[in-house]
Amino acid sequence: MTATTQRTFRRLAGPLLLGVVLGAVAAAVLGRVLDEAVRERTRQDLAAMLERVEAEFGHDFPLGPGAHERVRLAAKQTGARVTLIDAKGTVLSDSQVDAIKLPTLENHLSRPEVVAARASRTGFAERRSASVVEPLLYVARRVGPPDDPLGYIRIAVPESKLDAGEAPFRTALTRISLATGVLLALVVFLIRRRHAIELDR
């Protein structure tokens, strides 16, 4: 390796490292923006989905015999976990919990999404489910007036499902950010090299 080549590599190493670092920082920042955008879009989609579920159950809430089968069917159609909760917080049906185990579930009246739904009709929350032991994004909707609700309809989707949906966008975003950083490094290197040549002349 000649002395000229060594100088070229040394001059390139600094801008290249800086470009990679800036690209990684940009990817991290844009990744957070992507997360917020995906979460907001998901909330809107879930709220719209919940309206359709309410149209199915709301007119005769709470449901009588056969409620569990109808809830499981709704879950299959929407691809989300569906839960019916009465006005006192008792879980009447849950698409991922056997009917025989429903009496063992905790009261849901204090769940954040249910509290928010009582106040403003629709409420959101993200947390690990105690019954299925998995991080979920919840959205609940109040059935009836706020001062005397009939109960709540709630749907939830696994956060892993959301992460899988945004993974291709995150990968592309990271590649673009790193490529932009490397390109910026090359531009800086060429500018510095041109200045060095002019100074030598």
N, C-alpha and C. Protein backbone atom coordinates (compact mmCIF):
# COMPACT_ATOMS: atom_id res chain seq x y z
N MET A 1 0.86 -1.20 0.00
CA MET A 1 0.00 0.00 0.00
C MET A 1 0.89 1.24 0.00
N THR A 2 0.69 2.11 -0.95
CA THR A 2 1.53 3.29 -1.07
C THR A 2 1.15 4.33 -0.02
N ALA A 3 2.05 5.31 0.12
CA ALA A 3 1.79 6.37 1.10
C ALA A 3 0.57 7.18 0.72
N THR A 4 0.38 7.39 -0.59
CA THR A 4 -0.79 8.14 -1.06
C THR A 4 -2.08 7.41 -0.71
N THR A 5 -2.08 6.08 -0.92
CA THR A 5 -3.27 5.29 -0.60
C THR A 5 -3.57 5.33 0.88
N GLN A 6 -2.52 5.26 1.69
CA GLN A 6 -2.71 5.31 3.15
C GLN A 6 -3.32 6.64 3.58
N ARG A 7 -2.83 7.72 2.97
CA ARG A 7 -3.39 9.04 3.30
C ARG A 7 -4.86 9.12 2.89
N THR A 8 -5.16 8.51 1.73
CA THR A 8 -6.54 8.53 1.24
C THR A 8 -7.46 7.80 2.21
N PHE A 9 -7.02 6.64 2.70
CA PHE A 9 -7.83 5.87 3.65
C PHE A 9 -8.00 6.63 4.96
N ARG A 10 -6.94 7.29 5.40
CA ARG A 10 -7.06 8.04 6.66
C ARG A 10 -8.03 9.20 6.52
N ARG A 11 -7.96 9.86 5.37
CA ARG A 11 -8.87 10.98 5.14
C ARG A 11 -10.31 10.50 5.00
N LEU A 12 -10.49 9.32 4.47
CA LEU A 12 -11.84 8.79 4.27
C LEU A 12 -12.45 8.22 5.55
N ALA A 13 -11.58 7.70 6.43
CA ALA A 13 -12.07 7.00 7.63
C ALA A 13 -12.91 7.91 8.52
N GLY A 14 -12.43 9.14 8.75
CA GLY A 14 -13.15 10.06 9.63
C GLY A 14 -14.55 10.40 9.13
N PRO A 15 -14.65 10.93 7.89
CA PRO A 15 -15.98 11.23 7.36
C PRO A 15 -16.89 10.01 7.27
N LEU A 16 -16.29 8.86 6.93
CA LEU A 16 -17.11 7.64 6.81
C LEU A 16 -17.69 7.24 8.17
N LEU A 17 -16.85 7.28 9.20
CA LEU A 17 -17.33 6.95 10.54
C LEU A 17 -18.40 7.94 10.98
N LEU A 18 -18.18 9.22 10.72
CA LEU A 18 -19.16 10.24 11.08
C LEU A 18 -20.46 10.02 10.33
N GLY A 19 -20.36 9.67 9.04
CA GLY A 19 -21.56 9.43 8.24
C GLY A 19 -22.37 8.26 8.76
N VAL A 20 -21.67 7.18 9.15
CA VAL A 20 -22.36 6.01 9.69
C VAL A 20 -23.05 6.35 11.01
N VAL A 21 -22.37 7.11 11.87
CA VAL A 21 -22.94 7.50 13.15
C VAL A 21 -24.18 8.38 12.94
N LEU A 22 -24.06 9.36 12.05
CA LEU A 22 -25.20 10.23 11.77
C LEU A 22 -26.35 9.45 11.16
N GLY A 23 -26.03 8.48 10.30
CA GLY A 23 -27.08 7.64 9.71
C GLY A 23 -27.79 6.82 10.77
N ALA A 24 -27.02 6.28 11.72
CA ALA A 24 -27.62 5.48 12.78
C ALA A 24 -28.50 6.35 13.68
N VAL A 25 -28.03 7.56 13.98
CA VAL A 25 -28.83 8.48 14.80
C VAL A 25 -30.12 8.85 14.08
N ALA A 26 -30.00 9.14 12.78
CA ALA A 26 -31.19 9.48 11.99
C ALA A 26 -32.17 8.32 11.96
N ALA A 27 -31.65 7.09 11.81
CA ALA A 27 -32.52 5.91 11.79
C ALA A 27 -33.25 5.76 13.12
N ALA A 28 -32.54 6.02 14.24
CA ALA A 28 -33.17 5.90 15.56
C ALA A 28 -34.27 6.94 15.74
N VAL A 29 -33.98 8.19 15.34
CA VAL A 29 -34.97 9.27 15.49
C VAL A 29 -36.18 9.01 14.61
N LEU A 30 -35.93 8.67 13.34
CA LEU A 30 -37.04 8.40 12.43
C LEU A 30 -37.81 7.15 12.85
N GLY A 31 -37.11 6.19 13.49
CA GLY A 31 -37.78 5.00 13.99
C GLY A 31 -38.80 5.34 15.05
N ARG A 32 -38.45 6.29 15.93
CA ARG A 32 -39.40 6.72 16.96
C ARG A 32 -40.60 7.42 16.34
N VAL A 33 -40.33 8.23 15.32
CA VAL A 33 -41.43 8.89 14.61
C VAL A 33 -42.34 7.85 13.95
N LEU A 34 -41.71 6.83 13.36
CA LEU A 34 -42.48 5.75 12.73
C LEU A 34 -43.33 5.03 13.76
N ASP A 35 -42.76 4.75 14.94
CA ASP A 35 -43.51 4.08 16.00
C ASP A 35 -44.76 4.87 16.36
N GLU A 36 -44.59 6.18 16.56
CA GLU A 36 -45.74 7.01 16.94
C GLU A 36 -46.79 7.03 15.83
N ALA A 37 -46.32 7.12 14.58
CA ALA A 37 -47.27 7.15 13.45
C ALA A 37 -48.03 5.84 13.35
N VAL A 38 -47.31 4.73 13.52
CA VAL A 38 -47.95 3.41 13.43
C VAL A 38 -48.94 3.23 14.57
N ARG A 39 -48.56 3.63 15.78
CA ARG A 39 -49.46 3.50 16.92
C ARG A 39 -50.73 4.32 16.72
N GLU A 40 -50.57 5.55 16.23
CA GLU A 40 -51.73 6.42 16.03
C GLU A 40 -52.64 5.84 14.95
N ARG A 41 -52.04 5.34 13.86
CA ARG A 41 -52.85 4.75 12.79
C ARG A 41 -53.54 3.49 13.31
N THR A 42 -52.84 2.71 14.12
CA THR A 42 -53.43 1.50 14.68
C THR A 42 -54.59 1.83 15.59
N ARG A 43 -54.45 2.88 16.39
CA ARG A 43 -55.55 3.29 17.27
C ARG A 43 -56.78 3.68 16.46
N GLN A 44 -56.55 4.40 15.38
CA GLN A 44 -57.67 4.80 14.54
C GLN A 44 -58.34 3.57 13.91
N ASP A 45 -57.53 2.64 13.44
CA ASP A 45 -58.07 1.43 12.82
C ASP A 45 -58.85 0.60 13.85
N LEU A 46 -58.30 0.49 15.07
CA LEU A 46 -58.98 -0.29 16.10
C LEU A 46 -60.28 0.38 16.54
N ALA A 47 -60.25 1.73 16.61
CA ALA A 47 -61.47 2.44 16.98
C ALA A 47 -62.57 2.21 15.93
N ALA A 48 -62.18 2.23 14.66
CA ALA A 48 -63.14 1.97 13.59
C ALA A 48 -63.64 0.53 13.65
N MET A 49 -62.73 -0.40 13.94
CA MET A 49 -63.11 -1.81 14.07
C MET A 49 -64.07 -2.00 15.23
N LEU A 50 -63.81 -1.28 16.33
CA LEU A 50 -64.65 -1.41 17.52
C LEU A 50 -66.06 -0.89 17.26
N GLU A 51 -66.17 0.13 16.44
CA GLU A 51 -67.49 0.64 16.08
C GLU A 51 -68.31 -0.43 15.37
N ARG A 52 -67.63 -1.20 14.51
CA ARG A 52 -68.33 -2.28 13.80
C ARG A 52 -68.74 -3.39 14.77
N VAL A 53 -67.86 -3.69 15.72
CA VAL A 53 -68.19 -4.72 16.71
C VAL A 53 -69.36 -4.25 17.58
N GLU A 54 -69.35 -2.96 17.94
CA GLU A 54 -70.44 -2.42 18.76
C GLU A 54 -71.77 -2.51 18.01
N ALA A 55 -71.72 -2.28 16.71
CA ALA A 55 -72.95 -2.39 15.92
C ALA A 55 -73.51 -3.81 15.97
N GLU A 56 -72.60 -4.78 16.16
CA GLU A 56 -73.02 -6.18 16.24
C GLU A 56 -73.61 -6.52 17.60
N PHE A 57 -73.01 -5.98 18.68
CA PHE A 57 -73.41 -6.36 20.03
C PHE A 57 -74.18 -5.30 20.80
N GLY A 58 -73.99 -4.03 20.44
CA GLY A 58 -74.50 -2.95 21.26
C GLY A 58 -76.00 -2.90 21.41
N HIS A 59 -76.77 -3.31 20.40
CA HIS A 59 -78.22 -3.16 20.46
C HIS A 59 -78.87 -4.10 21.47
N ASP A 60 -78.20 -5.21 21.81
CA ASP A 60 -78.77 -6.13 22.81
C ASP A 60 -77.75 -6.46 23.89
N PHE A 61 -76.98 -5.44 24.28
CA PHE A 61 -75.95 -5.64 25.31
C PHE A 61 -76.59 -5.52 26.70
N PRO A 62 -76.17 -6.35 27.69
CA PRO A 62 -75.26 -7.49 27.53
C PRO A 62 -75.96 -8.70 26.89
N LEU A 63 -75.17 -9.53 26.28
CA LEU A 63 -75.74 -10.65 25.54
C LEU A 63 -76.19 -11.76 26.47
N GLY A 64 -77.12 -12.54 25.99
CA GLY A 64 -77.60 -13.67 26.77
C GLY A 64 -76.87 -14.94 26.38
N PRO A 65 -77.56 -16.07 26.38
CA PRO A 65 -76.94 -17.35 26.00
C PRO A 65 -76.38 -17.29 24.58
N GLY A 66 -75.26 -17.93 24.39
CA GLY A 66 -74.61 -17.92 23.09
C GLY A 66 -73.68 -16.75 22.88
N ALA A 67 -73.50 -15.92 23.92
CA ALA A 67 -72.64 -14.75 23.79
C ALA A 67 -71.21 -15.14 23.46
N HIS A 68 -70.72 -16.20 24.11
CA HIS A 68 -69.32 -16.58 23.93
C HIS A 68 -69.05 -16.99 22.48
N GLU A 69 -69.98 -17.70 21.89
CA GLU A 69 -69.79 -18.11 20.49
C GLU A 69 -69.78 -16.89 19.57
N ARG A 70 -70.65 -15.93 19.84
CA ARG A 70 -70.70 -14.72 19.02
C ARG A 70 -69.43 -13.90 19.18
N VAL A 71 -68.89 -13.88 20.39
CA VAL A 71 -67.66 -13.13 20.64
C VAL A 71 -66.49 -13.79 19.90
N ARG A 72 -66.42 -15.10 19.95
CA ARG A 72 -65.35 -15.80 19.23
C ARG A 72 -65.46 -15.58 17.72
N LEU A 73 -66.67 -15.53 17.21
CA LEU A 73 -66.88 -15.28 15.79
C LEU A 73 -66.42 -13.87 15.42
N ALA A 74 -66.75 -12.90 16.28
CA ALA A 74 -66.33 -11.52 16.04
C ALA A 74 -64.81 -11.40 16.06
N ALA A 75 -64.18 -12.15 16.97
CA ALA A 75 -62.72 -12.13 17.05
C ALA A 75 -62.09 -12.71 15.79
N LYS A 76 -62.70 -13.77 15.30
CA LYS A 76 -62.19 -14.40 14.07
C LYS A 76 -62.34 -13.46 12.88
N GLN A 77 -63.43 -12.73 12.83
CA GLN A 77 -63.68 -11.82 11.71
C GLN A 77 -62.77 -10.59 11.75
N THR A 78 -62.46 -10.11 12.94
CA THR A 78 -61.65 -8.90 13.08
C THR A 78 -60.17 -9.18 13.24
N GLY A 79 -59.82 -10.40 13.65
CA GLY A 79 -58.42 -10.71 13.90
C GLY A 79 -57.91 -10.12 15.19
N ALA A 80 -58.82 -9.76 16.09
CA ALA A 80 -58.44 -9.14 17.36
C ALA A 80 -59.10 -9.89 18.51
N ARG A 81 -58.56 -9.71 19.69
CA ARG A 81 -59.18 -10.25 20.89
C ARG A 81 -60.39 -9.40 21.25
N VAL A 82 -61.52 -10.02 21.53
CA VAL A 82 -62.75 -9.30 21.84
C VAL A 82 -63.21 -9.66 23.25
N THR A 83 -63.56 -8.65 24.04
CA THR A 83 -64.00 -8.85 25.42
C THR A 83 -65.26 -8.04 25.68
N LEU A 84 -66.22 -8.67 26.36
CA LEU A 84 -67.43 -7.98 26.80
C LEU A 84 -67.37 -7.82 28.32
N ILE A 85 -67.61 -6.61 28.79
CA ILE A 85 -67.51 -6.30 30.22
C ILE A 85 -68.80 -5.61 30.65
N ASP A 86 -69.36 -6.04 31.78
CA ASP A 86 -70.60 -5.39 32.21
C ASP A 86 -70.30 -4.08 32.95
N ALA A 87 -71.36 -3.38 33.37
CA ALA A 87 -71.19 -2.06 33.97
C ALA A 87 -70.42 -2.10 35.29
N LYS A 88 -70.40 -3.25 35.95
CA LYS A 88 -69.69 -3.38 37.22
C LYS A 88 -68.26 -3.85 37.05
N GLY A 89 -67.84 -4.14 35.81
CA GLY A 89 -66.47 -4.56 35.55
C GLY A 89 -66.28 -6.06 35.43
N THR A 90 -67.37 -6.82 35.52
CA THR A 90 -67.28 -8.28 35.39
C THR A 90 -67.14 -8.65 33.91
N VAL A 91 -66.18 -9.54 33.61
CA VAL A 91 -65.99 -9.98 32.24
C VAL A 91 -67.07 -11.00 31.90
N LEU A 92 -67.89 -10.65 30.91
CA LEU A 92 -68.98 -11.53 30.50
C LEU A 92 -68.51 -12.56 29.48
N SER A 93 -67.57 -12.16 28.64
CA SER A 93 -67.06 -13.06 27.60
C SER A 93 -65.73 -12.53 27.10
N ASP A 94 -64.86 -13.45 26.72
CA ASP A 94 -63.56 -13.09 26.17
C ASP A 94 -63.17 -14.15 25.15
N SER A 95 -62.80 -13.69 23.97
CA SER A 95 -62.52 -14.63 22.89
C SER A 95 -61.30 -15.50 23.13
N GLN A 96 -60.42 -15.11 24.07
CA GLN A 96 -59.21 -15.89 24.33
C GLN A 96 -59.22 -16.57 25.70
N VAL A 97 -60.38 -16.52 26.35
CA VAL A 97 -60.49 -17.17 27.67
C VAL A 97 -61.70 -18.10 27.64
N ASP A 98 -61.51 -19.33 28.06
CA ASP A 98 -62.62 -20.29 28.10
C ASP A 98 -63.72 -19.77 29.02
N ALA A 99 -64.96 -20.01 28.61
CA ALA A 99 -66.10 -19.52 29.39
C ALA A 99 -66.06 -20.00 30.83
N ILE A 100 -65.58 -21.21 31.04
CA ILE A 100 -65.55 -21.77 32.39
C ILE A 100 -64.56 -21.03 33.29
N LYS A 101 -63.58 -20.33 32.70
CA LYS A 101 -62.56 -19.62 33.48
C LYS A 101 -62.90 -18.15 33.70
N LEU A 102 -63.97 -17.67 33.11
CA LEU A 102 -64.33 -16.25 33.23
C LEU A 102 -64.51 -15.79 34.67
N PRO A 103 -65.14 -16.61 35.55
CA PRO A 103 -65.31 -16.16 36.95
C PRO A 103 -63.99 -15.92 37.68
N THR A 104 -62.90 -16.48 37.18
CA THR A 104 -61.60 -16.30 37.86
C THR A 104 -60.89 -15.01 37.45
N LEU A 105 -61.40 -14.32 36.44
CA LEU A 105 -60.76 -13.10 35.97
C LEU A 105 -61.00 -11.95 36.94
N GLU A 106 -60.02 -11.04 37.03
CA GLU A 106 -60.15 -9.87 37.89
C GLU A 106 -61.21 -8.92 37.34
N ASN A 107 -61.72 -8.09 38.23
CA ASN A 107 -62.67 -7.07 37.82
C ASN A 107 -61.95 -6.07 36.90
N HIS A 108 -62.60 -5.69 35.81
CA HIS A 108 -61.96 -4.83 34.80
C HIS A 108 -62.40 -3.37 34.86
N LEU A 109 -63.16 -3.00 35.86
CA LEU A 109 -63.68 -1.64 35.91
C LEU A 109 -62.57 -0.60 36.07
N SER A 110 -61.44 -1.01 36.69
CA SER A 110 -60.34 -0.06 36.91
C SER A 110 -59.29 -0.12 35.80
N ARG A 111 -59.51 -0.93 34.78
CA ARG A 111 -58.56 -0.98 33.67
C ARG A 111 -58.51 0.40 33.00
N PRO A 112 -57.31 0.88 32.65
CA PRO A 112 -57.18 2.25 32.10
C PRO A 112 -58.06 2.52 30.89
N GLU A 113 -58.15 1.56 29.99
CA GLU A 113 -58.97 1.78 28.79
C GLU A 113 -60.46 1.83 29.13
N VAL A 114 -60.88 1.09 30.17
CA VAL A 114 -62.28 1.11 30.58
C VAL A 114 -62.60 2.42 31.30
N VAL A 115 -61.69 2.86 32.15
CA VAL A 115 -61.87 4.14 32.84
C VAL A 115 -61.99 5.27 31.82
N ALA A 116 -61.11 5.26 30.82
CA ALA A 116 -61.15 6.30 29.78
C ALA A 116 -62.42 6.19 28.95
N ALA A 117 -62.86 4.97 28.68
CA ALA A 117 -64.07 4.78 27.88
C ALA A 117 -65.30 5.29 28.61
N ARG A 118 -65.34 5.13 29.91
CA ARG A 118 -66.50 5.63 30.67
C ARG A 118 -66.58 7.15 30.58
N ALA A 119 -65.43 7.81 30.60
CA ALA A 119 -65.41 9.27 30.58
C ALA A 119 -65.64 9.84 29.18
N SER A 120 -65.02 9.20 28.16
CA SER A 120 -65.07 9.80 26.82
C SER A 120 -65.52 8.81 25.74
N ARG A 121 -66.17 7.76 26.16
CA ARG A 121 -66.73 6.71 25.31
C ARG A 121 -65.70 5.75 24.75
N THR A 122 -64.53 6.25 24.31
CA THR A 122 -63.49 5.37 23.78
C THR A 122 -62.20 5.59 24.55
N GLY A 123 -61.55 4.49 24.95
CA GLY A 123 -60.31 4.59 25.70
C GLY A 123 -59.26 3.62 25.20
N PHE A 124 -57.98 4.02 25.33
CA PHE A 124 -56.86 3.20 24.86
C PHE A 124 -55.90 2.92 26.00
N ALA A 125 -55.16 1.81 25.86
CA ALA A 125 -54.12 1.47 26.83
C ALA A 125 -53.19 0.43 26.22
N GLU A 126 -51.94 0.43 26.68
CA GLU A 126 -50.95 -0.57 26.27
C GLU A 126 -50.35 -1.19 27.53
N ARG A 127 -50.41 -2.51 27.64
CA ARG A 127 -49.83 -3.18 28.79
C ARG A 127 -49.82 -4.69 28.54
N ARG A 128 -49.20 -5.42 29.47
CA ARG A 128 -49.18 -6.87 29.39
C ARG A 128 -50.47 -7.43 29.99
N SER A 129 -51.12 -8.30 29.23
CA SER A 129 -52.37 -8.90 29.71
C SER A 129 -52.08 -9.91 30.82
N ALA A 130 -52.86 -9.81 31.90
CA ALA A 130 -52.69 -10.75 33.01
C ALA A 130 -53.26 -12.12 32.68
N SER A 131 -54.24 -12.17 31.77
CA SER A 131 -54.90 -13.45 31.48
C SER A 131 -54.19 -14.25 30.38
N VAL A 132 -53.67 -13.56 29.37
CA VAL A 132 -52.98 -14.28 28.29
C VAL A 132 -51.48 -14.05 28.32
N VAL A 133 -51.00 -13.24 29.28
CA VAL A 133 -49.57 -12.99 29.50
C VAL A 133 -48.88 -12.58 28.20
N GLU A 134 -49.33 -11.47 27.62
CA GLU A 134 -48.75 -10.97 26.37
C GLU A 134 -49.02 -9.47 26.28
N PRO A 135 -48.04 -8.67 25.84
CA PRO A 135 -48.26 -7.23 25.69
C PRO A 135 -49.32 -6.97 24.61
N LEU A 136 -50.33 -6.18 24.96
CA LEU A 136 -51.43 -5.91 24.05
C LEU A 136 -51.72 -4.41 23.97
N LEU A 137 -52.26 -4.00 22.83
CA LEU A 137 -52.80 -2.66 22.68
C LEU A 137 -54.31 -2.77 22.76
N TYR A 138 -54.92 -2.10 23.76
CA TYR A 138 -56.36 -2.22 24.02
C TYR A 138 -57.10 -0.97 23.56
N VAL A 139 -58.34 -1.17 23.14
CA VAL A 139 -59.26 -0.06 22.93
C VAL A 139 -60.64 -0.51 23.40
N ALA A 140 -61.24 0.28 24.28
CA ALA A 140 -62.55 -0.06 24.86
C ALA A 140 -63.56 1.01 24.47
N ARG A 141 -64.83 0.60 24.38
CA ARG A 141 -65.91 1.52 24.02
C ARG A 141 -67.08 1.33 24.96
N ARG A 142 -67.59 2.44 25.48
CA ARG A 142 -68.71 2.40 26.41
C ARG A 142 -70.01 2.17 25.65
N VAL A 143 -70.84 1.30 26.21
CA VAL A 143 -72.17 1.07 25.67
C VAL A 143 -73.17 1.71 26.63
N GLY A 144 -73.91 2.70 26.15
CA GLY A 144 -74.84 3.41 27.01
C GLY A 144 -74.30 4.74 27.47
N PRO A 145 -75.08 5.51 28.23
CA PRO A 145 -74.66 6.84 28.69
C PRO A 145 -73.57 6.76 29.75
N PRO A 146 -72.77 7.83 29.91
CA PRO A 146 -71.67 7.81 30.88
C PRO A 146 -72.11 7.69 32.33
N ASP A 147 -73.30 8.23 32.66
CA ASP A 147 -73.76 8.18 34.05
C ASP A 147 -74.40 6.84 34.40
N ASP A 148 -74.78 6.08 33.40
CA ASP A 148 -75.39 4.77 33.66
C ASP A 148 -75.10 3.81 32.48
N PRO A 149 -73.82 3.44 32.31
CA PRO A 149 -73.46 2.60 31.16
C PRO A 149 -74.01 1.18 31.31
N LEU A 150 -74.28 0.58 30.16
CA LEU A 150 -74.70 -0.83 30.16
C LEU A 150 -73.49 -1.75 30.30
N GLY A 151 -72.35 -1.28 29.86
CA GLY A 151 -71.13 -2.08 29.92
C GLY A 151 -70.12 -1.57 28.91
N TYR A 152 -69.16 -2.43 28.56
CA TYR A 152 -68.08 -2.01 27.68
C TYR A 152 -67.73 -3.15 26.72
N ILE A 153 -67.39 -2.75 25.50
CA ILE A 153 -66.86 -3.70 24.53
C ILE A 153 -65.41 -3.33 24.30
N ARG A 154 -64.54 -4.33 24.35
CA ARG A 154 -63.11 -4.05 24.24
C ARG A 154 -62.48 -4.99 23.22
N ILE A 155 -61.58 -4.46 22.42
CA ILE A 155 -60.79 -5.30 21.53
C ILE A 155 -59.32 -5.01 21.79
N ALA A 156 -58.48 -5.97 21.44
CA ALA A 156 -57.04 -5.83 21.68
C ALA A 156 -56.26 -6.59 20.63
N VAL A 157 -55.09 -6.09 20.30
CA VAL A 157 -54.19 -6.78 19.37
C VAL A 157 -52.82 -6.88 20.01
N PRO A 158 -52.09 -7.97 19.76
CA PRO A 158 -50.74 -8.12 20.32
C PRO A 158 -49.78 -7.08 19.76
N GLU A 159 -48.93 -6.54 20.62
CA GLU A 159 -47.93 -5.59 20.15
C GLU A 159 -46.96 -6.27 19.19
N SER A 160 -46.74 -7.58 19.37
CA SER A 160 -45.85 -8.30 18.46
C SER A 160 -46.39 -8.28 17.03
N LYS A 161 -47.71 -8.30 16.90
CA LYS A 161 -48.33 -8.22 15.58
C LYS A 161 -48.10 -6.85 14.96
N LEU A 162 -48.17 -5.82 15.77
CA LEU A 162 -47.91 -4.47 15.27
C LEU A 162 -46.45 -4.32 14.88
N ASP A 163 -45.55 -4.86 15.71
CA ASP A 163 -44.12 -4.78 15.41
C ASP A 163 -43.78 -5.50 14.12
N ALA A 164 -44.42 -6.66 13.91
CA ALA A 164 -44.18 -7.41 12.68
C ALA A 164 -44.66 -6.64 11.47
N GLY A 165 -45.76 -5.91 11.62
CA GLY A 165 -46.29 -5.14 10.51
C GLY A 165 -45.41 -3.98 10.11
N GLU A 166 -44.70 -3.39 11.10
CA GLU A 166 -43.87 -2.23 10.78
C GLU A 166 -42.41 -2.61 10.54
N ALA A 167 -42.05 -3.89 10.73
CA ALA A 167 -40.66 -4.33 10.56
C ALA A 167 -40.09 -4.02 9.18
N PRO A 168 -40.83 -4.31 8.06
CA PRO A 168 -40.28 -3.99 6.74
C PRO A 168 -39.98 -2.51 6.57
N PHE A 169 -40.86 -1.63 7.11
CA PHE A 169 -40.64 -0.20 7.01
C PHE A 169 -39.42 0.23 7.82
N ARG A 170 -39.26 -0.40 9.01
CA ARG A 170 -38.12 -0.07 9.86
C ARG A 170 -36.81 -0.48 9.18
N THR A 171 -36.79 -1.66 8.56
CA THR A 171 -35.58 -2.13 7.88
C THR A 171 -35.21 -1.20 6.72
N ALA A 172 -36.22 -0.84 5.93
CA ALA A 172 -35.97 0.07 4.80
C ALA A 172 -35.50 1.43 5.30
N LEU A 173 -36.08 1.91 6.39
CA LEU A 173 -35.71 3.20 6.95
C LEU A 173 -34.26 3.18 7.42
N THR A 174 -33.85 2.09 8.08
CA THR A 174 -32.48 1.98 8.55
C THR A 174 -31.49 1.95 7.39
N ARG A 175 -31.80 1.19 6.36
CA ARG A 175 -30.92 1.12 5.19
C ARG A 175 -30.77 2.47 4.51
N ILE A 176 -31.89 3.16 4.34
CA ILE A 176 -31.85 4.47 3.68
C ILE A 176 -31.03 5.45 4.50
N SER A 177 -31.22 5.43 5.82
CA SER A 177 -30.50 6.36 6.69
C SER A 177 -29.00 6.10 6.66
N LEU A 178 -28.61 4.83 6.73
CA LEU A 178 -27.19 4.49 6.69
C LEU A 178 -26.58 4.82 5.33
N ALA A 179 -27.32 4.53 4.25
CA ALA A 179 -26.82 4.83 2.91
C ALA A 179 -26.64 6.33 2.72
N THR A 180 -27.59 7.11 3.27
CA THR A 180 -27.47 8.56 3.19
C THR A 180 -26.26 9.05 3.96
N GLY A 181 -26.02 8.44 5.14
CA GLY A 181 -24.85 8.82 5.93
C GLY A 181 -23.55 8.52 5.21
N VAL A 182 -23.46 7.35 4.57
CA VAL A 182 -22.25 6.98 3.81
C VAL A 182 -22.07 7.92 2.62
N LEU A 183 -23.16 8.23 1.92
CA LEU A 183 -23.08 9.14 0.79
C LEU A 183 -22.61 10.52 1.22
N LEU A 184 -23.10 10.98 2.36
CA LEU A 184 -22.67 12.26 2.89
C LEU A 184 -21.17 12.23 3.21
N ALA A 185 -20.73 11.10 3.76
CA ALA A 185 -19.31 10.96 4.08
C ALA A 185 -18.45 11.03 2.81
N LEU A 186 -18.89 10.40 1.75
CA LEU A 186 -18.15 10.43 0.49
C LEU A 186 -18.10 11.84 -0.08
N VAL A 187 -19.21 12.57 0.02
CA VAL A 187 -19.24 13.95 -0.47
C VAL A 187 -18.25 14.81 0.31
N VAL A 188 -18.25 14.66 1.65
CA VAL A 188 -17.31 15.40 2.48
C VAL A 188 -15.88 15.05 2.12
N PHE A 189 -15.62 13.75 1.92
CA PHE A 189 -14.27 13.30 1.56
C PHE A 189 -13.82 13.90 0.25
N LEU A 190 -14.69 13.90 -0.76
CA LEU A 190 -14.33 14.45 -2.07
C LEU A 190 -14.07 15.95 -1.99
N ILE A 191 -14.88 16.65 -1.19
CA ILE A 191 -14.66 18.09 -1.03
C ILE A 191 -13.32 18.35 -0.35
N ARG A 192 -13.03 17.60 0.70
CA ARG A 192 -11.76 17.78 1.41
C ARG A 192 -10.58 17.42 0.51
N ARG A 193 -10.76 16.39 -0.29
CA ARG A 193 -9.68 15.97 -1.19
C ARG A 193 -9.41 17.04 -2.24
N ARG A 194 -10.49 17.62 -2.76
CA ARG A 194 -10.33 18.67 -3.76
C ARG A 194 -9.61 19.87 -3.18
N HIS A 195 -9.99 20.22 -1.94
CA HIS A 195 -9.31 21.34 -1.28
C HIS A 195 -7.85 21.03 -1.06
N ALA A 196 -7.55 19.78 -0.67
CA ALA A 196 -6.15 19.39 -0.45
C ALA A 196 -5.35 19.47 -1.73
N ILE A 197 -5.93 19.05 -2.83
CA ILE A 197 -5.23 19.11 -4.12
C ILE A 197 -4.96 20.56 -4.52
N GLU A 198 -5.96 21.43 -4.28
CA GLU A 198 -5.78 22.84 -4.63
C GLU A 198 -4.70 23.46 -3.78
N LEU A 199 -4.65 23.06 -2.48
CA LEU A 199 -3.61 23.60 -1.62
C LEU A 199 -2.23 23.14 -2.06
N ASP A 200 -2.14 21.87 -2.48
CA ASP A 200 -0.84 21.35 -2.96
C ASP A 200 -0.38 22.10 -4.20
N ARG A 201 -1.34 22.46 -5.07
CA ARG A 201 -0.96 23.22 -6.25
C ARG A 201 -0.48 24.62 -5.89
